[in-house]
Amino acid sequence: MLAHLDGLFARAEFAAAYRCVSPQLGVLALRDARHPLLERERAVPITLSLGADKRMTVITGPNTGGKTVTLKTMGLLS
C-alpha cells in the first residue's frame, strides 16, 4: 500500500512540476510541449494540434533527430 501511495505522490509531483493537464479524447493539442525526459533548457518546444477536422500530420525535415523526438513527445504526452 505504501509503494502504491508513493507512486501516486511521485506522479502528482511530476504533473505539478511540468504543469501537466488532463487529455481530451479525440483531440491532440500540444502548445510549447517538450519531451519530458530531455533537459528542459535544451529541448526545443513543439506546437501542433490534431482534431476532428485534421486526421493526420506530416512531419518532415533533415536528419537531425527532431522528427523522432516530436513523434515520441506526441506519444508520451497523449
PDB file of N, CA and C in Angstrom:
ATOM      1  N   MET A   1       0.818  -1.188   0.000  1.00  0.00           N
ATOM      2  CA  MET A   1       0.000   0.000   0.000  1.00  0.00           C
ATOM      3  C   MET A   1       0.873   1.268   0.000  1.00  0.00           C
ATOM      4  N   LEU A   2       1.970   1.234   0.763  1.00  0.00           N
ATOM      5  CA  LEU A   2       2.854   2.405   0.796  1.00  0.00           C
ATOM      6  C   LEU A   2       3.521   2.647  -0.554  1.00  0.00           C
ATOM      7  N   ALA A   3       3.893   1.567  -1.227  1.00  0.00           N
ATOM      8  CA  ALA A   3       4.506   1.723  -2.550  1.00  0.00           C
ATOM      9  C   ALA A   3       3.505   2.332  -3.532  1.00  0.00           C
ATOM     10  N   HIS A   4       2.262   1.930  -3.458  1.00  0.00           N
ATOM     11  CA  HIS A   4       1.217   2.481  -4.335  1.00  0.00           C
ATOM     12  C   HIS A   4       1.029   3.975  -4.052  1.00  0.00           C
ATOM     13  N   LEU A   5       0.928   4.343  -2.777  1.00  0.00           N
ATOM     14  CA  LEU A   5       0.780   5.753  -2.422  1.00  0.00           C
ATOM     15  C   LEU A   5       2.000   6.571  -2.834  1.00  0.00           C
ATOM     16  N   ASP A   6       3.191   6.003  -2.671  1.00  0.00           N
ATOM     17  CA  ASP A   6       4.411   6.683  -3.081  1.00  0.00           C
ATOM     18  C   ASP A   6       4.402   6.951  -4.586  1.00  0.00           C
ATOM     19  N   GLY A   7       3.936   5.983  -5.369  1.00  0.00           N
ATOM     20  CA  GLY A   7       3.839   6.162  -6.816  1.00  0.00           C
ATOM     21  C   GLY A   7       2.847   7.252  -7.186  1.00  0.00           C
ATOM     22  N   LEU A   8       1.712   7.288  -6.497  1.00  0.00           N
ATOM     23  CA  LEU A   8       0.713   8.329  -6.764  1.00  0.00           C
ATOM     24  C   LEU A   8       1.266   9.717  -6.461  1.00  0.00           C
ATOM     25  N   PHE A   9       1.935   9.854  -5.326  1.00  0.00           N
ATOM     26  CA  PHE A   9       2.507  11.151  -4.968  1.00  0.00           C
ATOM     27  C   PHE A   9       3.629  11.557  -5.924  1.00  0.00           C
ATOM     28  N   ALA A  10       4.426  10.604  -6.377  1.00  0.00           N
ATOM     29  CA  ALA A  10       5.501  10.916  -7.331  1.00  0.00           C
ATOM     30  C   ALA A  10       4.911  11.415  -8.645  1.00  0.00           C
ATOM     31  N   ARG A  11       3.838  10.776  -9.131  1.00  0.00           N
ATOM     32  CA  ARG A  11       3.197  11.225 -10.376  1.00  0.00           C
ATOM     33  C   ARG A  11       2.568  12.604 -10.195  1.00  0.00           C
ATOM     34  N   ALA A  12       1.981  12.845  -9.033  1.00  0.00           N
ATOM     35  CA  ALA A  12       1.371  14.148  -8.775  1.00  0.00           C
ATOM     36  C   ALA A  12       2.430  15.252  -8.736  1.00  0.00           C
ATOM     37  N   GLU A  13       3.572  14.971  -8.111  1.00  0.00           N
ATOM     38  CA  GLU A  13       4.655  15.957  -8.074  1.00  0.00           C
ATOM     39  C   GLU A  13       5.194  16.238  -9.471  1.00  0.00           C
ATOM     40  N   PHE A  14       5.352  15.184 -10.286  1.00  0.00           N
ATOM     41  CA  PHE A  14       5.813  15.363 -11.667  1.00  0.00           C
ATOM     42  C   PHE A  14       4.815  16.221 -12.441  1.00  0.00           C
ATOM     43  N   ALA A  15       3.526  15.909 -12.296  1.00  0.00           N
ATOM     44  CA  ALA A  15       2.491  16.661 -13.009  1.00  0.00           C
ATOM     45  C   ALA A  15       2.495  18.133 -12.598  1.00  0.00           C
ATOM     46  N   ALA A  16       2.682  18.390 -11.327  1.00  0.00           N
ATOM     47  CA  ALA A  16       2.718  19.785 -10.858  1.00  0.00           C
ATOM     48  C   ALA A  16       3.971  20.499 -11.360  1.00  0.00           C
ATOM     49  N   ALA A  17       5.116  19.817 -11.342  1.00  0.00           N
ATOM     50  CA  ALA A  17       6.371  20.434 -11.769  1.00  0.00           C
ATOM     51  C   ALA A  17       6.365  20.771 -13.259  1.00  0.00           C
ATOM     52  N   TYR A  18       5.709  19.938 -14.075  1.00  0.00           N
ATOM     53  CA  TYR A  18       5.684  20.155 -15.521  1.00  0.00           C
ATOM     54  C   TYR A  18       4.370  20.762 -15.993  1.00  0.00           C
ATOM     55  N   ARG A  19       3.544  21.211 -15.065  1.00  0.00           N
ATOM     56  CA  ARG A  19       2.257  21.847 -15.370  1.00  0.00           C
ATOM     57  C   ARG A  19       1.424  20.995 -16.330  1.00  0.00           C
ATOM     58  N   CYS A  20       1.279  19.719 -16.006  1.00  0.00           N
ATOM     59  CA  CYS A  20       0.534  18.783 -16.841  1.00  0.00           C
ATOM     60  C   CYS A  20      -0.969  19.035 -16.711  1.00  0.00           C
ATOM     61  N   VAL A  21      -1.704  18.670 -17.758  1.00  0.00           N
ATOM     62  CA  VAL A  21      -3.157  18.785 -17.756  1.00  0.00           C
ATOM     63  C   VAL A  21      -3.752  17.459 -18.200  1.00  0.00           C
ATOM     64  N   SER A  22      -5.021  17.258 -17.929  1.00  0.00           N
ATOM     65  CA  SER A  22      -5.710  16.036 -18.351  1.00  0.00           C
ATOM     66  C   SER A  22      -5.971  16.095 -19.846  1.00  0.00           C
ATOM     67  N   PRO A  23      -5.812  14.983 -20.560  1.00  0.00           N
ATOM     68  CA  PRO A  23      -6.036  14.982 -22.005  1.00  0.00           C
ATOM     69  C   PRO A  23      -7.526  14.977 -22.347  1.00  0.00           C
ATOM     70  N   GLN A  24      -7.849  15.480 -23.543  1.00  0.00           N
ATOM     71  CA  GLN A  24      -9.196  15.401 -24.078  1.00  0.00           C
ATOM     72  C   GLN A  24      -9.192  14.325 -25.148  1.00  0.00           C
ATOM     73  N   LEU A  25     -10.101  13.390 -25.060  1.00  0.00           N
ATOM     74  CA  LEU A  25     -10.155  12.315 -26.045  1.00  0.00           C
ATOM     75  C   LEU A  25     -10.604  12.853 -27.395  1.00  0.00           C
ATOM     76  N   GLY A  26      -9.947  12.400 -28.444  1.00  0.00           N
ATOM     77  CA  GLY A  26     -10.302  12.808 -29.789  1.00  0.00           C
ATOM     78  C   GLY A  26      -9.599  14.063 -30.271  1.00  0.00           C
ATOM     79  N   VAL A  27      -8.930  14.767 -29.395  1.00  0.00           N
ATOM     80  CA  VAL A  27      -8.236  15.998 -29.752  1.00  0.00           C
ATOM     81  C   VAL A  27      -6.825  15.932 -29.183  1.00  0.00           C
ATOM     82  N   LEU A  28      -5.861  16.263 -30.013  1.00  0.00           N
ATOM     83  CA  LEU A  28      -4.482  16.360 -29.547  1.00  0.00           C
ATOM     84  C   LEU A  28      -4.022  17.777 -29.825  1.00  0.00           C
ATOM     85  N   ALA A  29      -3.786  18.538 -28.789  1.00  0.00           N
ATOM     86  CA  ALA A  29      -3.321  19.916 -28.920  1.00  0.00           C
ATOM     87  C   ALA A  29      -2.137  20.099 -27.983  1.00  0.00           C
ATOM     88  N   LEU A  30      -0.964  20.230 -28.554  1.00  0.00           N
ATOM     89  CA  LEU A  30       0.243  20.445 -27.772  1.00  0.00           C
ATOM     90  C   LEU A  30       0.751  21.851 -28.054  1.00  0.00           C
ATOM     91  N   ARG A  31       0.930  22.636 -27.003  1.00  0.00           N
ATOM     92  CA  ARG A  31       1.422  24.007 -27.160  1.00  0.00           C
ATOM     93  C   ARG A  31       2.702  24.140 -26.353  1.00  0.00           C
ATOM     94  N   ASP A  32       3.783  24.433 -27.042  1.00  0.00           N
ATOM     95  CA  ASP A  32       5.106  24.558 -26.419  1.00  0.00           C
ATOM     96  C   ASP A  32       5.446  23.319 -25.587  1.00  0.00           C
ATOM     97  N   ALA A  33       5.142  22.142 -26.144  1.00  0.00           N
ATOM     98  CA  ALA A  33       5.404  20.877 -25.447  1.00  0.00           C
ATOM     99  C   ALA A  33       6.866  20.486 -25.613  1.00  0.00           C
ATOM    100  N   ARG A  34       7.422  19.918 -24.565  1.00  0.00           N
ATOM    101  CA  ARG A  34       8.804  19.432 -24.590  1.00  0.00           C
ATOM    102  C   ARG A  34       8.801  17.976 -24.167  1.00  0.00           C
ATOM    103  N   HIS A  35       9.733  17.215 -24.706  1.00  0.00           N
ATOM    104  CA  HIS A  35       9.890  15.817 -24.306  1.00  0.00           C
ATOM    105  C   HIS A  35      10.210  15.783 -22.817  1.00  0.00           C
ATOM    106  N   PRO A  36       9.462  15.013 -22.018  1.00  0.00           N
ATOM    107  CA  PRO A  36       9.643  15.066 -20.564  1.00  0.00           C
ATOM    108  C   PRO A  36      10.952  14.487 -20.045  1.00  0.00           C
ATOM    109  N   LEU A  37      11.664  13.708 -20.856  1.00  0.00           N
ATOM    110  CA  LEU A  37      12.903  13.107 -20.374  1.00  0.00           C
ATOM    111  C   LEU A  37      14.153  13.871 -20.801  1.00  0.00           C
ATOM    112  N   LEU A  38      13.982  14.895 -21.640  1.00  0.00           N
ATOM    113  CA  LEU A  38      15.120  15.712 -22.064  1.00  0.00           C
ATOM    114  C   LEU A  38      15.271  16.914 -21.137  1.00  0.00           C
ATOM    115  N   GLU A  39      16.476  17.472 -21.113  1.00  0.00           N
ATOM    116  CA  GLU A  39      16.720  18.661 -20.297  1.00  0.00           C
ATOM    117  C   GLU A  39      15.812  19.789 -20.778  1.00  0.00           C
ATOM    118  N   ARG A  40      15.105  20.392 -19.862  1.00  0.00           N
ATOM    119  CA  ARG A  40      14.112  21.413 -20.217  1.00  0.00           C
ATOM    120  C   ARG A  40      14.731  22.591 -20.966  1.00  0.00           C
ATOM    121  N   GLU A  41      15.937  22.996 -20.590  1.00  0.00           N
ATOM    122  CA  GLU A  41      16.572  24.152 -21.213  1.00  0.00           C
ATOM    123  C   GLU A  41      17.032  23.862 -22.643  1.00  0.00           C
ATOM    124  N   ARG A  42      17.380  22.614 -22.936  1.00  0.00           N
ATOM    125  CA  ARG A  42      17.919  22.273 -24.254  1.00  0.00           C
ATOM    126  C   ARG A  42      16.855  21.764 -25.214  1.00  0.00           C
ATOM    127  N   ALA A  43      15.737  21.265 -24.699  1.00  0.00           N
ATOM    128  CA  ALA A  43      14.697  20.706 -25.564  1.00  0.00           C
ATOM    129  C   ALA A  43      13.953  21.829 -26.289  1.00  0.00           C
ATOM    130  N   VAL A  44      13.761  21.661 -27.578  1.00  0.00           N
ATOM    131  CA  VAL A  44      13.046  22.647 -28.383  1.00  0.00           C
ATOM    132  C   VAL A  44      11.544  22.369 -28.256  1.00  0.00           C
ATOM    133  N   PRO A  45      10.737  23.370 -27.878  1.00  0.00           N
ATOM    134  CA  PRO A  45       9.304  23.141 -27.732  1.00  0.00           C
ATOM    135  C   PRO A  45       8.620  22.975 -29.085  1.00  0.00           C
ATOM    136  N   ILE A  46       7.558  22.159 -29.109  1.00  0.00           N
ATOM    137  CA  ILE A  46       6.771  21.964 -30.323  1.00  0.00           C
ATOM    138  C   ILE A  46       5.332  22.363 -30.053  1.00  0.00           C
ATOM    139  N   THR A  47       4.659  22.834 -31.086  1.00  0.00           N
ATOM    140  CA  THR A  47       3.239  23.160 -31.015  1.00  0.00           C
ATOM    141  C   THR A  47       2.564  22.507 -32.210  1.00  0.00           C
ATOM    142  N   LEU A  48       1.537  21.703 -31.943  1.00  0.00           N
ATOM    143  CA  LEU A  48       0.769  21.077 -33.011  1.00  0.00           C
ATOM    144  C   LEU A  48      -0.596  20.707 -32.483  1.00  0.00           C
ATOM    145  N   SER A  49      -1.542  20.511 -33.404  1.00  0.00           N
ATOM    146  CA  SER A  49      -2.879  20.113 -32.989  1.00  0.00           C
ATOM    147  C   SER A  49      -3.481  19.184 -34.033  1.00  0.00           C
ATOM    148  N   LEU A  50      -4.206  18.210 -33.542  1.00  0.00           N
ATOM    149  CA  LEU A  50      -4.985  17.292 -34.369  1.00  0.00           C
ATOM    150  C   LEU A  50      -6.372  17.240 -33.768  1.00  0.00           C
ATOM    151  N   GLY A  51      -7.393  17.328 -34.593  1.00  0.00           N
ATOM    152  CA  GLY A  51      -8.754  17.304 -34.071  1.00  0.00           C
ATOM    153  C   GLY A  51      -9.698  16.670 -35.062  1.00  0.00           C
ATOM    154  N   ALA A  52     -10.960  17.030 -34.960  1.00  0.00           N
ATOM    155  CA  ALA A  52     -11.982  16.436 -35.809  1.00  0.00           C
ATOM    156  C   ALA A  52     -11.752  16.760 -37.289  1.00  0.00           C
ATOM    157  N   ASP A  53     -11.278  17.965 -37.580  1.00  0.00           N
ATOM    158  CA  ASP A  53     -11.081  18.348 -38.973  1.00  0.00           C
ATOM    159  C   ASP A  53      -9.696  17.986 -39.508  1.00  0.00           C
ATOM    160  N   LYS A  54      -8.780  17.576 -38.635  1.00  0.00           N
ATOM    161  CA  LYS A  54      -7.427  17.189 -39.051  1.00  0.00           C
ATOM    162  C   LYS A  54      -7.183  15.763 -38.582  1.00  0.00           C
ATOM    163  N   ARG A  55      -7.026  14.841 -39.513  1.00  0.00           N
ATOM    164  CA  ARG A  55      -6.889  13.443 -39.152  1.00  0.00           C
ATOM    165  C   ARG A  55      -5.465  12.935 -39.208  1.00  0.00           C
ATOM    166  N   MET A  56      -4.550  13.725 -39.756  1.00  0.00           N
ATOM    167  CA  MET A  56      -3.161  13.282 -39.829  1.00  0.00           C
ATOM    168  C   MET A  56      -2.245  14.487 -39.838  1.00  0.00           C
ATOM    169  N   THR A  57      -0.987  14.203 -39.579  1.00  0.00           N
ATOM    170  CA  THR A  57       0.027  15.245 -39.661  1.00  0.00           C
ATOM    171  C   THR A  57       1.225  14.681 -40.410  1.00  0.00           C
ATOM    172  N   VAL A  58       1.936  15.540 -41.098  1.00  0.00           N
ATOM    173  CA  VAL A  58       3.139  15.151 -41.823  1.00  0.00           C
ATOM    174  C   VAL A  58       4.307  15.888 -41.181  1.00  0.00           C
ATOM    175  N   ILE A  59       5.293  15.128 -40.764  1.00  0.00           N
ATOM    176  CA  ILE A  59       6.468  15.713 -40.114  1.00  0.00           C
ATOM    177  C   ILE A  59       7.656  15.487 -41.036  1.00  0.00           C
ATOM    178  N   THR A  60       8.243  16.581 -41.527  1.00  0.00           N
ATOM    179  CA  THR A  60       9.363  16.479 -42.453  1.00  0.00           C
ATOM    180  C   THR A  60      10.533  17.303 -41.930  1.00  0.00           C
ATOM    181  N   GLY A  61      11.694  17.042 -42.477  1.00  0.00           N
ATOM    182  CA  GLY A  61      12.866  17.826 -42.106  1.00  0.00           C
ATOM    183  C   GLY A  61      14.135  17.031 -42.293  1.00  0.00           C
ATOM    184  N   PRO A  62      15.275  17.672 -42.046  1.00  0.00           N
ATOM    185  CA  PRO A  62      16.564  16.993 -42.208  1.00  0.00           C
ATOM    186  C   PRO A  62      16.780  15.944 -41.110  1.00  0.00           C
ATOM    187  N   ASN A  63      17.799  15.123 -41.315  1.00  0.00           N
ATOM    188  CA  ASN A  63      18.103  14.039 -40.376  1.00  0.00           C
ATOM    189  C   ASN A  63      18.890  14.559 -39.175  1.00  0.00           C
ATOM    190  N   THR A  64      18.206  15.258 -38.285  1.00  0.00           N
ATOM    191  CA  THR A  64      18.859  15.779 -37.084  1.00  0.00           C
ATOM    192  C   THR A  64      18.190  15.305 -35.804  1.00  0.00           C
ATOM    193  N   GLY A  65      17.201  14.420 -35.895  1.00  0.00           N
ATOM    194  CA  GLY A  65      16.575  13.847 -34.712  1.00  0.00           C
ATOM    195  C   GLY A  65      15.316  14.548 -34.248  1.00  0.00           C
ATOM    196  N   GLY A  66      14.961  15.661 -34.828  1.00  0.00           N
ATOM    197  CA  GLY A  66      13.778  16.401 -34.386  1.00  0.00           C
ATOM    198  C   GLY A  66      12.470  15.695 -34.678  1.00  0.00           C
ATOM    199  N   LYS A  67      12.399  15.002 -35.805  1.00  0.00           N
ATOM    200  CA  LYS A  67      11.171  14.291 -36.159  1.00  0.00           C
ATOM    201  C   LYS A  67      10.902  13.164 -35.165  1.00  0.00           C
ATOM    202  N   THR A  68      11.924  12.432 -34.819  1.00  0.00           N
ATOM    203  CA  THR A  68      11.770  11.331 -33.868  1.00  0.00           C
ATOM    204  C   THR A  68      11.368  11.852 -32.502  1.00  0.00           C
ATOM    205  N   VAL A  69      11.997  12.925 -32.052  1.00  0.00           N
ATOM    206  CA  VAL A  69      11.655  13.494 -30.748  1.00  0.00           C
ATOM    207  C   VAL A  69      10.215  13.994 -30.769  1.00  0.00           C
ATOM    208  N   THR A  70       9.779  14.592 -31.874  1.00  0.00           N
ATOM    209  CA  THR A  70       8.397  15.055 -31.984  1.00  0.00           C
ATOM    210  C   THR A  70       7.411  13.911 -31.869  1.00  0.00           C
ATOM    211  N   LEU A  71       7.673  12.824 -32.583  1.00  0.00           N
ATOM    212  CA  LEU A  71       6.786  11.665 -32.511  1.00  0.00           C
ATOM    213  C   LEU A  71       6.746  11.051 -31.118  1.00  0.00           C
ATOM    214  N   LYS A  72       7.899  10.958 -30.488  1.00  0.00           N
ATOM    215  CA  LYS A  72       7.950  10.408 -29.129  1.00  0.00           C
ATOM    216  C   LYS A  72       7.255  11.339 -28.143  1.00  0.00           C
ATOM    217  N   THR A  73       7.415  12.633 -28.321  1.00  0.00           N
ATOM    218  CA  THR A  73       6.736  13.601 -27.458  1.00  0.00           C
ATOM    219  C   THR A  73       5.227  13.483 -27.613  1.00  0.00           C
ATOM    220  N   MET A  74       4.768  13.379 -28.853  1.00  0.00           N
ATOM    221  CA  MET A  74       3.334  13.207 -29.092  1.00  0.00           C
ATOM    222  C   MET A  74       2.818  11.948 -28.399  1.00  0.00           C
ATOM    223  N   GLY A  75       3.547  10.852 -28.523  1.00  0.00           N
ATOM    224  CA  GLY A  75       3.117   9.596 -27.912  1.00  0.00           C
ATOM    225  C   GLY A  75       3.121   9.643 -26.400  1.00  0.00           C
ATOM    226  N   LEU A  76       4.169  10.213 -25.814  1.00  0.00           N
ATOM    227  CA  LEU A  76       4.251  10.272 -24.356  1.00  0.00           C
ATOM    228  C   LEU A  76       3.210  11.216 -23.753  1.00  0.00           C
ATOM    229  N   LEU A  77       2.974  12.330 -24.398  1.00  0.00           N
ATOM    230  CA  LEU A  77       2.062  13.315 -23.829  1.00  0.00           C
ATOM    231  C   LEU A  77       0.607  13.045 -24.154  1.00  0.00           C
ATOM    232  N   SER A  78       0.354  12.143 -25.099  1.00  0.00           N
ATOM    233  CA  SER A  78      -1.044  11.811 -25.385  1.00  0.00           C
ATOM    234  C   SER A  78      -1.439  10.627 -24.547  1.00  0.00           C
TER     235      SER A  78
END
